[in-house]
């Protein structure tokens, strides 16, 4: 009877090791997985940076379009290439000159 008890006692740590080692491995893997997702260099941060980049690219395209429009307007106001219609529009808008029988509609 003593021999059966010794065999049973000898098997107990082996069963514990079979259960404990995979559990420790699982906890270690869960720890690293959590930090891959939640850390400052993690997946969530990467996704928020990607969204911020898309937003800023949209703002950049709008600002580029505005700048190009302003550059065209400035080019038309240069003395060597002045546009008479643009000059007339600017004079009327800044000085408020117009004839009594005219109707002026300003855009922008």
Foldseek 3Di string as FASTA:
>chain_A
DVVVVVVVVVCVVVVVCVPVVVVVVVVVVVVVVCCQDPPCVHDVVVVVVVVVVVVVVVVVVVVVVVVVVVVVLVVCVDPVRDDVVSVVVVCCVPVVDDDPVDDDDDDD
